[in-house]
Amino acid sequence: LRVMNADSCFSNITKFIIVYNSPAANFTSTAPVCFGDSICFTDQSQHNATSIVSWLWNFGDGQTSILEDPCHMYTTPGTYNVTLVVTNDRGCVDNITQSVQVYYNPIADFSYDADCDFIVRFTDESIHNATSITNWNWNFGDGSGTSTQQNPTYTYPGPGIYNAQLVVTNNNGCTDTIVSTVVVPEMPVAEFTADTACEGQPTQFTDLSYSNSSPLISWVWAFGDGDSSFVQNPTHVYASSGIYSVTLTVMNADSCDHTITHNIRVLNSPEAIFSSNAPVCDGDSVCFTDQSIHNASSITSWLWSFGDGQTSTEQNPCHLYTIFGTYNVTLIVTNNLGCSNDTTMSIEVWPNPIADFSYDADCDYFVSFIDESIHNATSMTSWNWNFGDGAGSSNLQNPTYTYSSSGIYNVTLIVINDIGCTDTLTLPVVVPEMPVANFIADTACEGTPTQFTDLSFSNSSPLISWNWNFGDGGTSTIQNPTHVYAISGTYPVTLTVMSADSCFHDTTINILVLNSPEATFSFTDPVCDGDSMCFTDQSIHNASSITDWLW
């Protein structure tokens, strides 16, 4: 080393330097690997001294290691630059960088198509993520079936759910595995029953089919007479008796179907027929007569519905309706084969006429009757009267009748309308009796009140009015009046009475009005206190004598 200053003066020194050999960095690895596998690195460096004392690995994904021979798992497939820095015991350093490859794994996948006869066709749908898939290993999950074909077909021993496995390997040697459930469907079993089939009546078909692998989704019925149905449990009406081949085809959700056919015998139904005595009048029973044809051995049951909520199981019942009107009567008959038939007929219960009448009774026992009946048809055709006295009757609509005496009579009217229905009404008829007018009077004296006392009576109804005529122009409507006659003499007094039946009666009695005495007297002149005063009667009797004095 020579150094020189500004004055051009210089100096030299010489020393010996030892240059050591640097290490030679090098490594190997297990790359390339498949994603999910670790890459193991092996240090191959030359220390060129005594030894390597440190290693620093950079794996190219942000991760490092100071191990001599590390292993590292990458989280993502790809190419990575891996650098190794080594230092020997002389402190000399060297590094080396190599590229390593982490391959993509294939993606195992498959689909399948399962037939109802347990044959399954598998279709490989894997993604190689390289150049190609080179190997397929299938395990069909039933403990025995395997295959190395890409798209194998396998027949399972029976229906069920199997865990099928596919392992695929691509051309880089990377693998992937998938396990998926495979449903091997079972053929459904079609079966059904039918109720007793009778011509003209609904036959109930009941589905008994089942499917163990998936639900049933459709039912197709062919009833053997050209008709069909898609209902699970249909009803069907056969028009004629006979034997019909009924077919049911069922299909489950796996599109597996099965068909069964049964012969159904359609029996003869009876013919429901009946008659009745209708129309009838209200209050009369309707009697029904069964005339059904059994078309077998016999009719075994009858069910009548009378249209008013009432029923009967008799063969030939009678029924009394509580209200007139039109009723739909239904008869259901069943023969010994179990077949039924029904028929409905309208019957009419006619309303009865409503018997009614009024009357007007005179006080001479003469009664006029007025028919007020309601025919409830077109017209009234007959009237039959019984006047209730054991003798009188009539068939006139509005008769008159004279009773032999007053009284209360039970009069009966029977009416018949033009449809032959009748009604009867009995009413009490009051035939009034004439009242009897009578009275008495106290001794009548001119100028003084005379008391009149009513003695009238009425047997049929109460008296309600009294009319007095006192013969001197005076009158009164009081039952028991008083009257003052101004002058003596004989007066015809008339009393007219009326009963509540408006019957009148009068009577006239001559009343003698007597002369009244003329009262007068005299008396002595006034006297002193303590002396008596004497009175002298000087009255005029105007009769024979004065009989009484009251001072």
Protein backbone atom coordinates (compact mmCIF):
# COMPACT_ATOMS: atom_id res chain seq x y z
CA LEU A 1 0.00 0.00 0.00
CA ARG A 2 1.57 3.46 -0.95
CA VAL A 3 0.13 6.65 0.47
CA MET A 4 1.14 10.22 -0.64
CA ASN A 5 0.33 13.62 0.79
CA ALA A 6 -0.02 17.05 -0.85
CA ASP A 7 3.67 17.64 -0.60
CA SER A 8 4.26 14.64 -2.80
CA CYS A 9 5.71 12.73 0.05
CA PHE A 10 4.79 9.04 0.10
CA SER A 11 5.26 5.81 2.00
CA ASN A 12 4.83 2.11 1.23
CA ILE A 13 3.76 -0.93 3.30
CA THR A 14 3.30 -4.57 2.25
CA LYS A 15 1.22 -7.25 4.10
CA PHE A 16 0.19 -10.82 3.15
CA ILE A 17 -3.62 -11.60 2.81
CA ILE A 18 -5.05 -15.16 2.91
CA VAL A 19 -8.09 -15.63 0.55
CA TYR A 20 -10.15 -18.63 1.71
CA ASN A 21 -12.16 -20.87 -0.55
CA SER A 22 -15.93 -20.08 -0.50
CA PRO A 23 -18.41 -22.92 -0.05
CA ALA A 24 -20.20 -24.18 -3.16
CA ALA A 25 -23.99 -24.04 -2.47
CA ASN A 26 -26.05 -26.85 -3.96
CA PHE A 27 -29.18 -28.91 -3.12
CA THR A 28 -31.57 -31.48 -4.48
CA SER A 29 -35.34 -31.93 -3.86
CA THR A 30 -38.21 -34.35 -4.26
CA ALA A 31 -39.90 -31.94 -6.69
CA PRO A 32 -41.95 -32.00 -8.72
CA VAL A 33 -44.74 -33.02 -6.33
CA CYS A 34 -48.53 -32.96 -6.39
CA PHE A 35 -50.49 -30.39 -4.50
CA GLY A 36 -50.90 -31.51 -0.92
CA ASP A 37 -47.54 -33.31 -0.81
CA SER A 38 -44.42 -31.83 0.90
CA ILE A 39 -41.19 -31.13 -1.04
CA CYS A 40 -38.12 -32.32 0.87
CA PHE A 41 -34.85 -30.51 0.22
CA THR A 42 -31.39 -32.12 0.67
CA ASP A 43 -28.30 -29.90 1.09
CA GLN A 44 -25.54 -30.92 -1.37
CA SER A 45 -23.23 -27.92 -0.73
CA GLN A 46 -19.39 -28.18 -0.58
CA HIS A 47 -17.98 -26.38 2.48
CA ASN A 48 -14.47 -25.93 0.97
CA ALA A 49 -13.24 -25.44 4.50
CA THR A 50 -13.91 -27.47 7.58
CA SER A 51 -17.72 -27.44 7.54
CA ILE A 52 -20.94 -25.61 6.68
CA VAL A 53 -22.14 -23.85 9.76
CA SER A 54 -25.48 -22.28 8.64
CA TRP A 55 -28.23 -22.73 6.07
CA LEU A 56 -30.92 -20.26 5.10
CA TRP A 57 -33.71 -21.50 2.82
CA ASN A 58 -36.16 -19.21 1.06
CA PHE A 59 -38.97 -21.33 -0.43
CA GLY A 60 -40.28 -18.68 -2.78
CA ASP A 61 -43.71 -18.40 -1.10
CA GLY A 62 -42.60 -16.12 1.74
CA GLN A 63 -41.62 -19.01 3.99
CA THR A 64 -38.05 -19.77 5.16
CA SER A 65 -36.08 -22.40 7.11
CA ILE A 66 -32.63 -22.69 8.74
CA LEU A 67 -32.63 -26.49 8.78
CA GLU A 68 -30.02 -28.30 6.82
CA ASP A 69 -32.53 -30.58 5.06
CA PRO A 70 -36.05 -29.14 5.47
CA CYS A 71 -39.38 -30.29 4.04
CA HIS A 72 -42.00 -27.75 3.01
CA MET A 73 -45.71 -27.97 1.95
CA TYR A 74 -46.98 -25.36 -0.45
CA THR A 75 -50.54 -24.06 -0.01
CA THR A 76 -51.01 -23.39 -3.72
CA PRO A 77 -49.92 -25.32 -6.81
CA GLY A 78 -47.36 -23.55 -9.05
CA THR A 79 -43.66 -22.98 -9.80
CA TYR A 80 -41.49 -21.59 -7.00
CA ASN A 81 -37.86 -20.29 -7.01
CA VAL A 82 -36.14 -21.81 -3.97
CA THR A 83 -32.88 -20.17 -2.77
CA LEU A 84 -30.28 -21.77 -0.42
CA VAL A 85 -27.66 -19.55 1.28
CA VAL A 86 -24.84 -21.51 3.03
CA THR A 87 -21.98 -20.23 5.25
CA ASN A 88 -18.84 -22.27 6.10
CA ASP A 89 -16.76 -22.11 9.22
CA ARG A 90 -14.47 -19.52 7.56
CA GLY A 91 -17.41 -17.19 7.31
CA CYS A 92 -17.56 -17.53 3.56
CA VAL A 93 -21.00 -17.53 1.92
CA ASP A 94 -22.52 -18.93 -1.25
CA ASN A 95 -26.09 -19.27 -2.57
CA ILE A 96 -27.97 -21.13 -5.25
CA THR A 97 -31.52 -20.79 -6.65
CA GLN A 98 -33.53 -23.61 -8.25
CA SER A 99 -37.10 -23.80 -9.55
CA VAL A 100 -39.47 -26.43 -8.10
CA GLN A 101 -42.91 -27.43 -9.45
CA VAL A 102 -46.05 -28.19 -7.41
CA TYR A 103 -48.56 -29.83 -9.74
CA TYR A 104 -52.30 -29.37 -9.68
CA ASN A 105 -54.25 -32.44 -8.57
CA PRO A 106 -57.01 -33.70 -10.80
CA ILE A 107 -60.65 -33.15 -9.57
CA ALA A 108 -62.48 -36.44 -9.31
CA ASP A 109 -66.19 -36.35 -10.19
CA PHE A 110 -68.81 -38.60 -11.73
CA SER A 111 -72.52 -38.97 -12.40
CA TYR A 112 -74.67 -42.06 -12.78
CA ASP A 113 -77.89 -43.35 -14.26
CA ALA A 114 -79.61 -46.12 -12.30
CA ASP A 115 -82.15 -48.39 -13.95
CA CYS A 116 -84.99 -50.05 -12.09
CA ASP A 117 -83.35 -53.48 -12.76
CA PHE A 118 -80.34 -52.46 -10.56
CA ILE A 119 -78.07 -51.64 -13.56
CA VAL A 120 -76.09 -48.42 -13.01
CA ARG A 121 -74.12 -46.62 -15.73
CA PHE A 122 -71.31 -44.45 -14.31
CA THR A 123 -69.96 -41.45 -16.24
CA ASP A 124 -66.55 -39.98 -15.38
CA GLU A 125 -66.73 -36.19 -15.14
CA SER A 126 -63.27 -35.64 -13.58
CA ILE A 127 -61.00 -32.69 -14.50
CA HIS A 128 -57.37 -33.75 -15.16
CA ASN A 129 -55.64 -30.37 -14.48
CA ALA A 130 -52.74 -31.64 -16.56
CA THR A 131 -52.69 -33.24 -19.97
CA SER A 132 -54.98 -36.17 -19.27
CA ILE A 133 -56.34 -38.66 -16.77
CA THR A 134 -54.33 -41.81 -17.02
CA ASN A 135 -55.96 -44.05 -14.44
CA TRP A 136 -59.43 -44.66 -12.91
CA ASN A 137 -60.10 -46.89 -9.94
CA TRP A 138 -63.77 -47.50 -9.04
CA ASN A 139 -65.12 -49.14 -5.90
CA PHE A 140 -68.90 -49.55 -6.22
CA GLY A 141 -69.50 -49.70 -2.50
CA ASP A 142 -71.23 -53.09 -2.27
CA GLY A 143 -68.15 -54.89 -0.98
CA SER A 144 -67.31 -56.65 -4.24
CA GLY A 145 -67.61 -54.48 -7.33
CA THR A 146 -64.60 -52.61 -8.76
CA SER A 147 -63.46 -51.34 -12.15
CA THR A 148 -60.58 -49.50 -13.88
CA GLN A 149 -62.68 -48.36 -16.84
CA GLN A 150 -63.34 -44.67 -17.34
CA ASN A 151 -67.13 -45.13 -17.68
CA PRO A 152 -68.07 -48.52 -16.27
CA THR A 153 -71.51 -50.18 -16.00
CA TYR A 154 -72.30 -52.21 -12.92
CA THR A 155 -75.23 -54.36 -11.84
CA TYR A 156 -75.89 -54.16 -8.12
CA PRO A 157 -77.22 -57.18 -6.25
CA GLY A 158 -80.28 -55.26 -5.08
CA PRO A 159 -81.76 -51.82 -4.40
CA GLY A 160 -80.23 -49.57 -1.81
CA ILE A 161 -77.95 -46.64 -1.17
CA TYR A 162 -74.26 -47.35 -1.90
CA ASN A 163 -71.13 -45.23 -1.31
CA ALA A 164 -69.30 -45.43 -4.65
CA GLN A 165 -65.65 -44.28 -4.78
CA LEU A 166 -63.61 -43.02 -7.73
CA VAL A 167 -59.84 -42.47 -7.55
CA VAL A 168 -58.31 -40.73 -10.64
CA THR A 169 -54.63 -40.20 -11.54
CA ASN A 170 -53.45 -37.68 -14.15
CA ASN A 171 -50.38 -37.82 -16.32
CA ASN A 172 -48.38 -35.96 -13.64
CA GLY A 173 -49.09 -38.83 -11.26
CA CYS A 174 -51.40 -36.70 -9.09
CA THR A 175 -54.56 -38.24 -7.71
CA ASP A 176 -57.94 -37.24 -6.30
CA THR A 177 -60.69 -39.26 -4.65
CA ILE A 178 -64.45 -38.74 -4.48
CA VAL A 179 -67.03 -40.79 -2.59
CA SER A 180 -70.68 -40.23 -3.52
CA THR A 181 -73.93 -41.96 -2.64
CA VAL A 182 -75.54 -43.96 -5.41
CA VAL A 183 -79.25 -44.69 -5.06
CA VAL A 184 -80.17 -47.93 -6.75
CA PRO A 185 -83.96 -47.80 -7.09
CA GLU A 186 -86.37 -50.62 -6.47
CA MET A 187 -89.22 -51.45 -8.78
CA PRO A 188 -92.55 -50.40 -7.20
CA VAL A 189 -95.19 -53.04 -6.59
CA ALA A 190 -98.63 -52.31 -8.02
CA GLU A 191 -101.61 -53.74 -6.12
CA PHE A 192 -105.22 -52.76 -5.46
CA THR A 193 -108.58 -53.95 -4.16
CA ALA A 194 -112.13 -53.05 -5.15
CA ASP A 195 -115.41 -52.96 -3.28
CA THR A 196 -118.28 -55.10 -4.46
CA ALA A 197 -118.90 -53.89 -8.01
CA CYS A 198 -122.52 -53.39 -8.95
CA GLU A 199 -123.80 -52.10 -12.27
CA GLY A 200 -124.90 -48.52 -12.21
CA GLN A 201 -123.34 -47.91 -8.78
CA PRO A 202 -119.95 -46.38 -7.91
CA THR A 203 -117.25 -48.98 -7.27
CA GLN A 204 -114.46 -47.85 -4.95
CA PHE A 205 -110.95 -48.87 -6.00
CA THR A 206 -108.29 -48.73 -3.27
CA ASP A 207 -104.61 -48.51 -4.18
CA LEU A 208 -102.38 -50.90 -2.18
CA SER A 209 -99.19 -50.25 -4.20
CA TYR A 210 -95.91 -49.43 -2.51
CA SER A 211 -92.38 -48.34 -3.36
CA ASN A 212 -89.44 -48.77 -1.01
CA SER A 213 -86.87 -46.66 -2.85
CA SER A 214 -88.88 -43.49 -3.57
CA PRO A 215 -92.46 -42.23 -3.30
CA LEU A 216 -95.08 -43.20 -5.84
CA ILE A 217 -95.92 -40.25 -8.06
CA SER A 218 -98.46 -41.52 -10.58
CA TRP A 219 -101.33 -43.97 -10.91
CA VAL A 220 -102.90 -44.94 -14.23
CA TRP A 221 -106.10 -46.99 -14.10
CA ALA A 222 -107.77 -48.73 -17.04
CA PHE A 223 -111.18 -50.03 -15.94
CA GLY A 224 -111.66 -52.44 -18.81
CA ASP A 225 -114.70 -50.66 -20.25
CA GLY A 226 -112.81 -47.92 -22.08
CA ASP A 227 -112.65 -45.52 -19.16
CA SER A 228 -109.55 -44.58 -17.20
CA SER A 229 -108.45 -42.48 -14.21
CA PHE A 230 -105.30 -40.90 -12.81
CA VAL A 231 -106.58 -40.63 -9.22
CA GLN A 232 -104.89 -42.77 -6.56
CA ASN A 233 -108.16 -44.17 -5.17
CA PRO A 234 -110.83 -43.64 -7.83
CA THR A 235 -114.47 -44.60 -8.04
CA HIS A 236 -115.98 -45.90 -11.25
CA VAL A 237 -119.50 -46.69 -12.39
CA TYR A 238 -119.98 -49.69 -14.67
CA ALA A 239 -123.02 -49.42 -16.90
CA SER A 240 -123.45 -53.17 -17.32
CA SER A 241 -122.73 -56.30 -15.33
CA GLY A 242 -119.93 -58.62 -16.44
CA ILE A 243 -116.23 -59.35 -15.90
CA TYR A 244 -113.80 -56.52 -16.56
CA SER A 245 -109.98 -56.59 -16.63
CA VAL A 246 -108.84 -53.66 -14.53
CA THR A 247 -105.20 -52.58 -14.88
CA LEU A 248 -103.22 -50.33 -12.54
CA THR A 249 -99.80 -48.96 -13.50
CA VAL A 250 -97.83 -47.12 -10.82
CA MET A 251 -94.61 -45.15 -11.16
CA ASN A 252 -92.26 -43.92 -8.43
CA ALA A 253 -90.05 -40.84 -8.29
CA ASP A 254 -87.20 -42.90 -9.82
CA SER A 255 -89.35 -43.30 -12.96
CA CYS A 256 -89.71 -47.02 -12.23
CA ASP A 257 -93.14 -48.43 -13.04
CA HIS A 258 -95.04 -51.64 -12.44
CA THR A 259 -98.38 -52.92 -13.71
CA ILE A 260 -100.93 -55.35 -12.32
CA THR A 261 -104.25 -56.55 -13.72
CA HIS A 262 -107.21 -58.03 -11.81
CA ASN A 263 -110.51 -59.27 -13.14
CA ILE A 264 -113.42 -57.46 -11.52
CA ARG A 265 -116.88 -59.01 -11.59
CA VAL A 266 -119.63 -56.40 -11.87
CA LEU A 267 -122.84 -57.78 -10.35
CA ASN A 268 -126.46 -57.11 -11.28
CA SER A 269 -128.01 -54.28 -9.27
CA PRO A 270 -131.62 -54.29 -8.13
CA GLU A 271 -134.12 -51.85 -9.61
CA ALA A 272 -135.68 -49.65 -6.96
CA ILE A 273 -139.39 -49.08 -7.67
CA PHE A 274 -142.26 -48.09 -5.38
CA SER A 275 -145.77 -46.70 -5.38
CA SER A 276 -147.84 -44.85 -2.79
CA ASN A 277 -151.37 -43.74 -2.02
CA ALA A 278 -150.32 -40.10 -2.42
CA PRO A 279 -151.60 -37.50 -2.82
CA VAL A 280 -153.21 -37.45 0.61
CA CYS A 281 -154.71 -34.79 2.80
CA ASP A 282 -152.86 -33.27 5.73
CA GLY A 283 -153.27 -35.56 8.71
CA ASP A 284 -153.54 -38.73 6.63
CA SER A 285 -150.63 -41.19 6.41
CA VAL A 286 -148.87 -41.89 3.11
CA CYS A 287 -148.42 -45.62 2.65
CA PHE A 288 -145.60 -46.79 0.39
CA THR A 289 -145.48 -50.13 -1.44
CA ASP A 290 -142.12 -51.57 -2.50
CA GLN A 291 -142.21 -52.90 -6.09
CA SER A 292 -138.44 -53.26 -6.57
CA ILE A 293 -136.88 -55.96 -8.78
CA HIS A 294 -134.05 -57.76 -6.99
CA ASN A 295 -132.14 -59.10 -10.07
CA ALA A 296 -130.61 -61.69 -7.76
CA SER A 297 -132.19 -63.93 -5.15
CA SER A 298 -133.91 -61.33 -3.02
CA ILE A 299 -133.98 -57.80 -1.66
CA THR A 300 -132.36 -57.86 1.77
CA SER A 301 -132.70 -54.25 2.94
CA TRP A 302 -134.81 -51.17 2.36
CA LEU A 303 -133.95 -47.64 3.38
CA TRP A 304 -136.63 -45.00 2.97
CA SER A 305 -135.96 -41.28 3.27
CA PHE A 306 -139.29 -39.47 3.45
CA GLY A 307 -137.93 -36.03 2.61
CA ASP A 308 -138.76 -34.53 6.01
CA GLY A 309 -135.75 -35.87 7.90
CA GLN A 310 -137.48 -39.12 8.87
CA THR A 311 -136.47 -42.60 7.65
CA SER A 312 -137.62 -46.20 7.78
CA THR A 313 -136.16 -49.64 7.10
CA GLU A 314 -139.51 -51.40 6.65
CA GLN A 315 -140.35 -52.84 3.27
CA ASN A 316 -143.76 -51.17 3.02
CA PRO A 317 -143.93 -48.33 5.54
CA CYS A 318 -146.62 -45.72 6.20
CA HIS A 319 -145.59 -42.23 7.20
CA LEU A 320 -147.52 -39.30 8.65
CA TYR A 321 -146.20 -35.90 7.60
CA THR A 322 -146.54 -33.11 10.14
CA ILE A 323 -146.79 -30.36 7.52
CA PHE A 324 -148.47 -30.40 4.15
CA GLY A 325 -146.31 -29.86 1.04
CA THR A 326 -144.34 -31.64 -1.65
CA TYR A 327 -141.70 -34.15 -0.50
CA ASN A 328 -139.00 -36.03 -2.40
CA VAL A 329 -139.11 -39.62 -1.15
CA THR A 330 -136.06 -41.82 -1.82
CA LEU A 331 -135.93 -45.61 -1.59
CA ILE A 332 -132.56 -47.42 -1.49
CA VAL A 333 -132.77 -51.19 -1.88
CA THR A 334 -129.95 -53.73 -1.51
CA ASN A 335 -130.08 -57.25 -2.85
CA ASN A 336 -128.40 -60.37 -1.48
CA LEU A 337 -125.34 -59.71 -3.69
CA GLY A 338 -124.72 -56.48 -1.79
CA CYS A 339 -125.70 -54.29 -4.74
CA SER A 340 -127.88 -51.23 -4.20
CA ASN A 341 -130.09 -49.01 -6.27
CA ASP A 342 -132.16 -45.98 -5.44
CA THR A 343 -135.06 -44.05 -6.86
CA THR A 344 -136.71 -40.79 -5.85
CA MET A 345 -140.34 -39.83 -6.30
CA SER A 346 -142.15 -36.61 -5.41
CA ILE A 347 -145.33 -37.02 -3.37
CA GLU A 348 -147.78 -34.36 -2.32
CA VAL A 349 -149.57 -33.86 0.99
CA TRP A 350 -152.47 -31.52 0.32
CA PRO A 351 -153.48 -28.86 2.82
CA ASN A 352 -156.85 -29.34 4.47
CA PRO A 353 -159.45 -26.63 4.27
CA ILE A 354 -159.84 -24.52 7.38
CA ALA A 355 -163.38 -24.68 8.70
CA ASP A 356 -164.65 -21.46 10.25
CA PHE A 357 -167.93 -19.63 10.67
CA SER A 358 -169.62 -16.77 12.44
CA TYR A 359 -173.26 -16.25 13.40
CA ASP A 360 -175.86 -13.65 14.24
CA ALA A 361 -178.44 -14.71 16.85
CA ASP A 362 -181.75 -12.83 17.20
CA CYS A 363 -183.70 -12.60 20.47
CA ASP A 364 -186.46 -14.72 18.99
CA TYR A 365 -184.08 -17.73 18.72
CA PHE A 366 -183.42 -17.13 15.02
CA VAL A 367 -179.75 -17.62 14.07
CA SER A 368 -178.04 -16.78 10.77
CA PHE A 369 -174.82 -18.73 10.11
CA ILE A 370 -172.04 -17.33 7.86
CA ASP A 371 -169.40 -19.70 6.40
CA GLU A 372 -165.90 -18.20 6.68
CA SER A 373 -163.91 -21.34 5.80
CA ILE A 374 -160.72 -21.27 3.69
CA HIS A 375 -160.70 -23.94 0.97
CA ASN A 376 -156.86 -24.17 0.46
CA ALA A 377 -157.56 -25.58 -3.00
CA THR A 378 -159.72 -24.30 -5.83
CA SER A 379 -163.07 -24.21 -4.06
CA MET A 380 -165.19 -25.65 -1.29
CA THR A 381 -167.61 -28.33 -2.50
CA SER A 382 -169.50 -29.41 0.62
CA TRP A 383 -170.78 -28.00 3.92
CA ASN A 384 -172.36 -30.14 6.62
CA TRP A 385 -173.90 -28.31 9.59
CA ASN A 386 -175.08 -29.84 12.84
CA PHE A 387 -176.81 -27.16 14.92
CA GLY A 388 -176.22 -28.95 18.19
CA ASP A 389 -179.83 -29.25 19.39
CA GLY A 390 -180.23 -32.88 18.34
CA ALA A 391 -182.50 -32.02 15.45
CA GLY A 392 -181.22 -29.29 13.19
CA SER A 393 -178.78 -29.81 10.28
CA SER A 394 -178.08 -28.29 6.86
CA ASN A 395 -175.82 -28.64 3.81
CA LEU A 396 -176.18 -25.02 2.73
CA GLN A 397 -173.14 -22.79 2.78
CA ASN A 398 -174.82 -20.05 4.85
CA PRO A 399 -177.90 -21.52 6.53
CA THR A 400 -180.39 -20.00 9.01
CA TYR A 401 -181.97 -21.89 11.86
CA THR A 402 -184.61 -21.19 14.49
CA TYR A 403 -183.92 -22.79 17.85
CA SER A 404 -186.75 -23.85 20.09
CA SER A 405 -185.32 -22.04 23.06
CA SER A 406 -182.44 -20.01 24.24
CA GLY A 407 -179.23 -21.66 25.36
CA ILE A 408 -175.67 -22.51 24.37
CA TYR A 409 -175.42 -25.01 21.52
CA ASN A 410 -172.27 -26.74 20.16
CA VAL A 411 -172.58 -26.21 16.43
CA THR A 412 -170.38 -28.35 14.14
CA LEU A 413 -169.35 -27.47 10.57
CA ILE A 414 -167.64 -30.06 8.32
CA VAL A 415 -166.27 -28.67 5.04
CA ILE A 416 -164.83 -30.56 2.05
CA ASN A 417 -162.79 -28.86 -0.68
CA ASP A 418 -162.54 -29.84 -4.35
CA ILE A 419 -159.53 -32.17 -3.73
CA GLY A 420 -161.49 -34.13 -1.13
CA CYS A 421 -159.79 -32.82 2.01
CA THR A 422 -161.92 -32.04 5.03
CA ASP A 423 -161.86 -30.05 8.22
CA THR A 424 -164.24 -29.89 11.16
CA LEU A 425 -164.94 -27.05 13.54
CA THR A 426 -167.23 -27.03 16.59
CA LEU A 427 -168.07 -23.70 18.22
CA PRO A 428 -170.48 -22.78 21.01
CA VAL A 429 -173.40 -20.71 19.71
CA VAL A 430 -175.23 -18.59 22.27
CA VAL A 431 -178.97 -18.25 21.50
CA PRO A 432 -180.09 -15.36 23.71
CA GLU A 433 -183.26 -15.20 25.87
CA MET A 434 -185.50 -12.11 25.98
CA PRO A 435 -185.07 -10.24 29.27
CA VAL A 436 -188.12 -9.65 31.53
CA ALA A 437 -188.83 -6.06 32.56
CA ASN A 438 -190.51 -5.52 35.95
CA PHE A 439 -190.47 -3.01 38.78
CA ILE A 440 -192.27 -1.77 41.90
CA ALA A 441 -192.77 1.72 43.32
CA ASP A 442 -193.25 3.09 46.81
CA THR A 443 -196.53 4.91 47.65
CA ALA A 444 -196.60 7.85 45.31
CA CYS A 445 -197.68 11.14 46.78
CA GLU A 446 -197.87 14.37 44.93
CA GLY A 447 -194.95 16.66 45.54
CA THR A 448 -192.76 14.04 47.27
CA PRO A 449 -190.12 11.68 45.76
CA THR A 450 -191.34 8.25 44.72
CA GLN A 451 -188.79 5.41 44.78
CA PHE A 452 -188.88 3.02 41.79
CA THR A 453 -187.14 -0.37 42.24
CA ASP A 454 -186.07 -2.46 39.20
CA LEU A 455 -187.08 -6.12 39.40
CA SER A 456 -186.09 -7.01 35.81
CA PHE A 457 -183.94 -10.07 35.01
CA SER A 458 -182.14 -11.70 32.05
CA ASN A 459 -181.09 -15.35 31.97
CA SER A 460 -178.85 -15.30 28.89
CA SER A 461 -176.73 -12.21 29.47
CA PRO A 462 -176.54 -9.29 31.89
CA LEU A 463 -178.84 -6.30 31.67
CA ILE A 464 -176.95 -3.28 30.40
CA SER A 465 -179.59 -0.49 30.10
CA TRP A 466 -182.80 0.79 31.75
CA ASN A 467 -185.09 3.41 30.21
CA TRP A 468 -187.91 4.80 32.40
CA ASN A 469 -190.90 6.83 31.22
CA PHE A 470 -192.80 8.13 34.27
CA GLY A 471 -195.98 9.03 32.35
CA ASP A 472 -195.77 12.73 33.12
CA GLY A 473 -193.04 13.51 30.57
CA GLY A 474 -190.26 12.65 32.95
CA THR A 475 -187.62 9.97 32.11
CA SER A 476 -184.55 8.32 33.61
CA THR A 477 -181.82 5.82 32.64
CA ILE A 478 -180.93 4.91 36.24
CA GLN A 479 -181.68 1.36 37.30
CA ASN A 480 -183.51 2.41 40.49
CA PRO A 481 -184.58 6.06 40.10
CA THR A 482 -186.77 8.42 42.23
CA HIS A 483 -189.34 10.75 40.71
CA VAL A 484 -191.50 13.60 42.05
CA TYR A 485 -195.04 13.91 40.70
CA ALA A 486 -196.40 17.43 40.87
CA ILE A 487 -200.05 16.44 40.73
CA SER A 488 -201.93 13.48 42.06
CA GLY A 489 -203.48 11.08 39.61
CA THR A 490 -202.80 7.80 37.76
CA TYR A 491 -199.71 7.67 35.62
CA PRO A 492 -198.65 4.82 33.20
CA VAL A 493 -194.99 4.18 34.05
CA THR A 494 -193.01 2.21 31.41
CA LEU A 495 -189.63 0.46 31.98
CA THR A 496 -187.67 -0.80 28.95
CA VAL A 497 -184.61 -2.99 29.69
CA MET A 498 -181.88 -4.31 27.29
CA SER A 499 -179.52 -7.26 27.80
CA ALA A 500 -175.95 -7.64 26.58
CA ASP A 501 -177.38 -9.69 23.68
CA SER A 502 -179.17 -6.49 22.55
CA CYS A 503 -182.52 -8.02 23.42
CA PHE A 504 -185.22 -5.56 24.65
CA HIS A 505 -188.30 -5.95 26.84
CA ASP A 506 -190.66 -3.39 28.35
CA THR A 507 -193.48 -3.33 30.87
CA THR A 508 -195.98 -0.62 31.87
CA ILE A 509 -197.56 -0.28 35.33
CA ASN A 510 -200.11 2.38 36.31
CA ILE A 511 -198.94 4.32 39.35
CA LEU A 512 -201.51 6.12 41.53
CA VAL A 513 -200.22 9.40 42.84
CA LEU A 514 -202.17 10.31 45.95
CA ASN A 515 -203.21 13.70 47.32
CA SER A 516 -200.90 14.87 50.04
CA PRO A 517 -202.32 16.42 53.28
CA GLU A 518 -202.03 20.14 53.86
CA ALA A 519 -200.14 20.77 57.11
CA THR A 520 -201.17 23.86 59.17
CA PHE A 521 -201.51 24.75 62.86
CA SER A 522 -202.22 27.60 65.31
CA PHE A 523 -200.77 28.44 68.72
CA THR A 524 -201.54 30.59 71.78
CA ASP A 525 -200.22 34.09 72.20
CA PRO A 526 -196.82 34.55 73.67
CA VAL A 527 -196.54 33.94 77.41
CA CYS A 528 -193.98 34.70 79.99
CA ASP A 529 -190.94 32.64 80.69
CA GLY A 530 -191.99 29.59 82.46
CA ASP A 531 -195.50 29.43 80.92
CA SER A 532 -196.48 26.77 78.33
CA MET A 533 -197.33 27.53 74.70
CA CYS A 534 -200.16 25.50 73.18
CA PHE A 535 -200.22 24.37 69.51
CA THR A 536 -203.38 23.34 67.64
CA ASP A 537 -203.23 21.12 64.43
CA GLN A 538 -205.46 22.57 61.75
CA SER A 539 -204.15 20.30 58.83
CA ILE A 540 -206.45 19.16 55.98
CA HIS A 541 -206.05 15.40 55.42
CA ASN A 542 -207.28 15.24 51.80
CA ALA A 543 -208.02 11.61 52.51
CA SER A 544 -209.78 9.91 55.37
CA SER A 545 -207.71 11.13 58.21
CA ILE A 546 -204.39 12.36 59.52
CA THR A 547 -202.63 9.40 61.01
CA ASP A 548 -199.34 10.77 62.14
CA TRP A 549 -197.95 14.02 63.45
CA LEU A 550 -194.32 14.87 63.98
CA TRP A 551 -193.61 18.19 65.69
